[in-house]
Amino acid sequence: MGFLQVDRSTRIRHQPFTVAAVGFAGLLVVILKGNEVRGLLLGIVKQALSL
């Protein structure tokens, strides 16, 4: 096997983690698109920059 080659059992073992990570990323996108969260984050950044 070469440096970047991965056997099938390794791919199968890591697949659930990849699916979970993609799902979590999608959930974060939905949450961060909300106006309440955006306003909260903007307030935190403004406060941090005003120090």
PDB file of N, CA and C in Angstrom:
ATOM      1  N   MET A   1       0.826  -1.186   0.000  1.00  0.00           N
ATOM      2  CA  MET A   1       0.000   0.000   0.000  1.00  0.00           C
ATOM      3  C   MET A   1       0.868   1.245   0.000  1.00  0.00           C
ATOM      4  N   GLY A   2       0.449   2.245  -0.757  1.00  0.00           N
ATOM      5  CA  GLY A   2       1.177   3.501  -0.823  1.00  0.00           C
ATOM      6  C   GLY A   2       0.849   4.399   0.365  1.00  0.00           C
ATOM      7  N   PHE A   3       1.468   5.549   0.377  1.00  0.00           N
ATOM      8  CA  PHE A   3       1.325   6.495   1.490  1.00  0.00           C
ATOM      9  C   PHE A   3      -0.114   6.969   1.684  1.00  0.00           C
ATOM     10  N   LEU A   4      -0.803   7.305   0.599  1.00  0.00           N
ATOM     11  CA  LEU A   4      -2.156   7.850   0.716  1.00  0.00           C
ATOM     12  C   LEU A   4      -3.250   6.812   0.520  1.00  0.00           C
ATOM     13  N   GLN A   5      -2.889   5.578   0.311  1.00  0.00           N
ATOM     14  CA  GLN A   5      -3.888   4.543   0.112  1.00  0.00           C
ATOM     15  C   GLN A   5      -4.409   4.050   1.460  1.00  0.00           C
ATOM     16  N   VAL A   6      -5.699   3.844   1.517  1.00  0.00           N
ATOM     17  CA  VAL A   6      -6.348   3.374   2.739  1.00  0.00           C
ATOM     18  C   VAL A   6      -7.128   2.117   2.391  1.00  0.00           C
ATOM     19  N   ASP A   7      -7.031   1.110   3.232  1.00  0.00           N
ATOM     20  CA  ASP A   7      -7.765  -0.117   2.927  1.00  0.00           C
ATOM     21  C   ASP A   7      -9.259   0.066   3.222  1.00  0.00           C
ATOM     22  N   ARG A   8     -10.043  -0.834   2.705  1.00  0.00           N
ATOM     23  CA  ARG A   8     -11.498  -0.706   2.774  1.00  0.00           C
ATOM     24  C   ARG A   8     -12.011  -0.726   4.214  1.00  0.00           C
ATOM     25  N   SER A   9     -11.433  -1.534   5.060  1.00  0.00           N
ATOM     26  CA  SER A   9     -11.923  -1.623   6.440  1.00  0.00           C
ATOM     27  C   SER A   9     -11.734  -0.304   7.182  1.00  0.00           C
ATOM     28  N   THR A  10     -10.675   0.427   6.866  1.00  0.00           N
ATOM     29  CA  THR A  10     -10.447   1.728   7.497  1.00  0.00           C
ATOM     30  C   THR A  10     -11.501   2.720   7.033  1.00  0.00           C
ATOM     31  N   ARG A  11     -11.816   2.708   5.745  1.00  0.00           N
ATOM     32  CA  ARG A  11     -12.844   3.619   5.226  1.00  0.00           C
ATOM     33  C   ARG A  11     -14.187   3.314   5.858  1.00  0.00           C
ATOM     34  N   ILE A  12     -14.527   2.053   5.975  1.00  0.00           N
ATOM     35  CA  ILE A  12     -15.810   1.663   6.564  1.00  0.00           C
ATOM     36  C   ILE A  12     -15.865   2.062   8.034  1.00  0.00           C
ATOM     37  N   ARG A  13     -14.756   1.940   8.723  1.00  0.00           N
ATOM     38  CA  ARG A  13     -14.696   2.282  10.133  1.00  0.00           C
ATOM     39  C   ARG A  13     -14.875   3.784  10.352  1.00  0.00           C
ATOM     40  N   HIS A  14     -14.384   4.616   9.444  1.00  0.00           N
ATOM     41  CA  HIS A  14     -14.451   6.069   9.603  1.00  0.00           C
ATOM     42  C   HIS A  14     -15.696   6.697   8.986  1.00  0.00           C
ATOM     43  N   GLN A  15     -16.439   5.951   8.215  1.00  0.00           N
ATOM     44  CA  GLN A  15     -17.604   6.491   7.529  1.00  0.00           C
ATOM     45  C   GLN A  15     -18.656   7.068   8.486  1.00  0.00           C
ATOM     46  N   PRO A  16     -19.023   6.409   9.581  1.00  0.00           N
ATOM     47  CA  PRO A  16     -20.032   7.010  10.476  1.00  0.00           C
ATOM     48  C   PRO A  16     -19.584   8.352  11.054  1.00  0.00           C
ATOM     49  N   PHE A  17     -18.302   8.489  11.325  1.00  0.00           N
ATOM     50  CA  PHE A  17     -17.802   9.754  11.859  1.00  0.00           C
ATOM     51  C   PHE A  17     -17.891  10.863  10.813  1.00  0.00           C
ATOM     52  N   THR A  18     -17.634  10.521   9.571  1.00  0.00           N
ATOM     53  CA  THR A  18     -17.733  11.504   8.490  1.00  0.00           C
ATOM     54  C   THR A  18     -19.174  11.945   8.303  1.00  0.00           C
ATOM     55  N   VAL A  19     -20.089  11.007   8.322  1.00  0.00           N
ATOM     56  CA  VAL A  19     -21.511  11.340   8.175  1.00  0.00           C
ATOM     57  C   VAL A  19     -21.964  12.212   9.336  1.00  0.00           C
ATOM     58  N   ALA A  20     -21.547  11.892  10.543  1.00  0.00           N
ATOM     59  CA  ALA A  20     -21.918  12.682  11.711  1.00  0.00           C
ATOM     60  C   ALA A  20     -21.333  14.098  11.618  1.00  0.00           C
ATOM     61  N   ALA A  21     -20.110  14.222  11.165  1.00  0.00           N
ATOM     62  CA  ALA A  21     -19.474  15.535  11.038  1.00  0.00           C
ATOM     63  C   ALA A  21     -20.201  16.397  10.007  1.00  0.00           C
ATOM     64  N   VAL A  22     -20.602  15.807   8.899  1.00  0.00           N
ATOM     65  CA  VAL A  22     -21.331  16.553   7.876  1.00  0.00           C
ATOM     66  C   VAL A  22     -22.695  16.990   8.417  1.00  0.00           C
ATOM     67  N   GLY A  23     -23.355  16.114   9.132  1.00  0.00           N
ATOM     68  CA  GLY A  23     -24.638  16.470   9.736  1.00  0.00           C
ATOM     69  C   GLY A  23     -24.500  17.590  10.746  1.00  0.00           C
ATOM     70  N   PHE A  24     -23.462  17.530  11.563  1.00  0.00           N
ATOM     71  CA  PHE A  24     -23.220  18.573  12.554  1.00  0.00           C
ATOM     72  C   PHE A  24     -22.909  19.898  11.872  1.00  0.00           C
ATOM     73  N   ALA A  25     -22.136  19.865  10.804  1.00  0.00           N
ATOM     74  CA  ALA A  25     -21.819  21.088  10.056  1.00  0.00           C
ATOM     75  C   ALA A  25     -23.086  21.701   9.471  1.00  0.00           C
ATOM     76  N   GLY A  26     -23.963  20.871   8.944  1.00  0.00           N
ATOM     77  CA  GLY A  26     -25.228  21.369   8.416  1.00  0.00           C
ATOM     78  C   GLY A  26     -26.080  22.008   9.492  1.00  0.00           C
ATOM     79  N   LEU A  27     -26.112  21.401  10.651  1.00  0.00           N
ATOM     80  CA  LEU A  27     -26.862  21.960  11.772  1.00  0.00           C
ATOM     81  C   LEU A  27     -26.285  23.311  12.191  1.00  0.00           C
ATOM     82  N   LEU A  28     -24.957  23.418  12.235  1.00  0.00           N
ATOM     83  CA  LEU A  28     -24.329  24.692  12.576  1.00  0.00           C
ATOM     84  C   LEU A  28     -24.671  25.782  11.563  1.00  0.00           C
ATOM     85  N   VAL A  29     -24.708  25.425  10.294  1.00  0.00           N
ATOM     86  CA  VAL A  29     -25.060  26.408   9.260  1.00  0.00           C
ATOM     87  C   VAL A  29     -26.475  26.918   9.491  1.00  0.00           C
ATOM     88  N   VAL A  30     -27.401  26.033   9.779  1.00  0.00           N
ATOM     89  CA  VAL A  30     -28.787  26.435  10.017  1.00  0.00           C
ATOM     90  C   VAL A  30     -28.873  27.338  11.242  1.00  0.00           C
ATOM     91  N   ILE A  31     -28.179  26.990  12.307  1.00  0.00           N
ATOM     92  CA  ILE A  31     -28.210  27.785  13.534  1.00  0.00           C
ATOM     93  C   ILE A  31     -27.586  29.160  13.304  1.00  0.00           C
ATOM     94  N   LEU A  32     -26.448  29.197  12.640  1.00  0.00           N
ATOM     95  CA  LEU A  32     -25.745  30.461  12.456  1.00  0.00           C
ATOM     96  C   LEU A  32     -26.424  31.373  11.444  1.00  0.00           C
ATOM     97  N   LYS A  33     -27.323  30.858  10.634  1.00  0.00           N
ATOM     98  CA  LYS A  33     -28.057  31.697   9.696  1.00  0.00           C
ATOM     99  C   LYS A  33     -29.184  32.460  10.382  1.00  0.00           C
ATOM    100  N   GLY A  34     -29.550  32.048  11.585  1.00  0.00           N
ATOM    101  CA  GLY A  34     -30.632  32.706  12.310  1.00  0.00           C
ATOM    102  C   GLY A  34     -30.252  34.118  12.724  1.00  0.00           C
ATOM    103  N   ASN A  35     -31.225  35.022  12.688  1.00  0.00           N
ATOM    104  CA  ASN A  35     -30.979  36.418  13.025  1.00  0.00           C
ATOM    105  C   ASN A  35     -30.578  36.610  14.481  1.00  0.00           C
ATOM    106  N   GLU A  36     -31.148  35.831  15.381  1.00  0.00           N
ATOM    107  CA  GLU A  36     -30.821  35.973  16.805  1.00  0.00           C
ATOM    108  C   GLU A  36     -29.362  35.648  17.060  1.00  0.00           C
ATOM    109  N   VAL A  37     -28.904  34.558  16.499  1.00  0.00           N
ATOM    110  CA  VAL A  37     -27.514  34.148  16.689  1.00  0.00           C
ATOM    111  C   VAL A  37     -26.577  35.154  16.026  1.00  0.00           C
ATOM    112  N   ARG A  38     -26.949  35.606  14.835  1.00  0.00           N
ATOM    113  CA  ARG A  38     -26.127  36.587  14.122  1.00  0.00           C
ATOM    114  C   ARG A  38     -25.998  37.870  14.952  1.00  0.00           C
ATOM    115  N   GLY A  39     -27.110  38.336  15.522  1.00  0.00           N
ATOM    116  CA  GLY A  39     -27.078  39.532  16.361  1.00  0.00           C
ATOM    117  C   GLY A  39     -26.230  39.335  17.606  1.00  0.00           C
ATOM    118  N   LEU A  40     -26.332  38.166  18.201  1.00  0.00           N
ATOM    119  CA  LEU A  40     -25.537  37.861  19.394  1.00  0.00           C
ATOM    120  C   LEU A  40     -24.050  37.855  19.070  1.00  0.00           C
ATOM    121  N   LEU A  41     -23.681  37.191  17.985  1.00  0.00           N
ATOM    122  CA  LEU A  41     -22.272  37.145  17.587  1.00  0.00           C
ATOM    123  C   LEU A  41     -21.757  38.530  17.204  1.00  0.00           C
ATOM    124  N   LEU A  42     -22.574  39.312  16.520  1.00  0.00           N
ATOM    125  CA  LEU A  42     -22.174  40.666  16.144  1.00  0.00           C
ATOM    126  C   LEU A  42     -21.946  41.527  17.385  1.00  0.00           C
ATOM    127  N   GLY A  43     -22.803  41.366  18.377  1.00  0.00           N
ATOM    128  CA  GLY A  43     -22.623  42.096  19.628  1.00  0.00           C
ATOM    129  C   GLY A  43     -21.325  41.711  20.325  1.00  0.00           C
ATOM    130  N   ILE A  44     -21.001  40.446  20.333  1.00  0.00           N
ATOM    131  CA  ILE A  44     -19.765  39.981  20.968  1.00  0.00           C
ATOM    132  C   ILE A  44     -18.552  40.561  20.249  1.00  0.00           C
ATOM    133  N   VAL A  45     -18.591  40.548  18.918  1.00  0.00           N
ATOM    134  CA  VAL A  45     -17.455  41.073  18.142  1.00  0.00           C
ATOM    135  C   VAL A  45     -17.323  42.581  18.353  1.00  0.00           C
ATOM    136  N   LYS A  46     -18.437  43.304  18.342  1.00  0.00           N
ATOM    137  CA  LYS A  46     -18.395  44.763  18.560  1.00  0.00           C
ATOM    138  C   LYS A  46     -17.830  45.082  19.936  1.00  0.00           C
ATOM    139  N   GLN A  47     -18.247  44.330  20.935  1.00  0.00           N
ATOM    140  CA  GLN A  47     -17.771  44.561  22.290  1.00  0.00           C
ATOM    141  C   GLN A  47     -16.279  44.265  22.374  1.00  0.00           C
ATOM    142  N   ALA A  48     -15.839  43.213  21.728  1.00  0.00           N
ATOM    143  CA  ALA A  48     -14.424  42.847  21.763  1.00  0.00           C
ATOM    144  C   ALA A  48     -13.573  43.902  21.061  1.00  0.00           C
ATOM    145  N   LEU A  49     -14.075  44.467  19.968  1.00  0.00           N
ATOM    146  CA  LEU A  49     -13.316  45.458  19.231  1.00  0.00           C
ATOM    147  C   LEU A  49     -13.309  46.827  19.909  1.00  0.00           C
ATOM    148  N   SER A  50     -14.286  47.065  20.793  1.00  0.00           N
ATOM    149  CA  SER A  50     -14.336  48.365  21.466  1.00  0.00           C
ATOM    150  C   SER A  50     -13.415  48.434  22.685  1.00  0.00           C
ATOM    151  N   LEU A  51     -12.828  47.344  23.095  1.00  0.00           N
ATOM    152  CA  LEU A  51     -11.927  47.338  24.257  1.00  0.00           C
ATOM    153  C   LEU A  51     -10.604  47.970  23.942  1.00  0.00           C
TER     154      LEU A  51
END
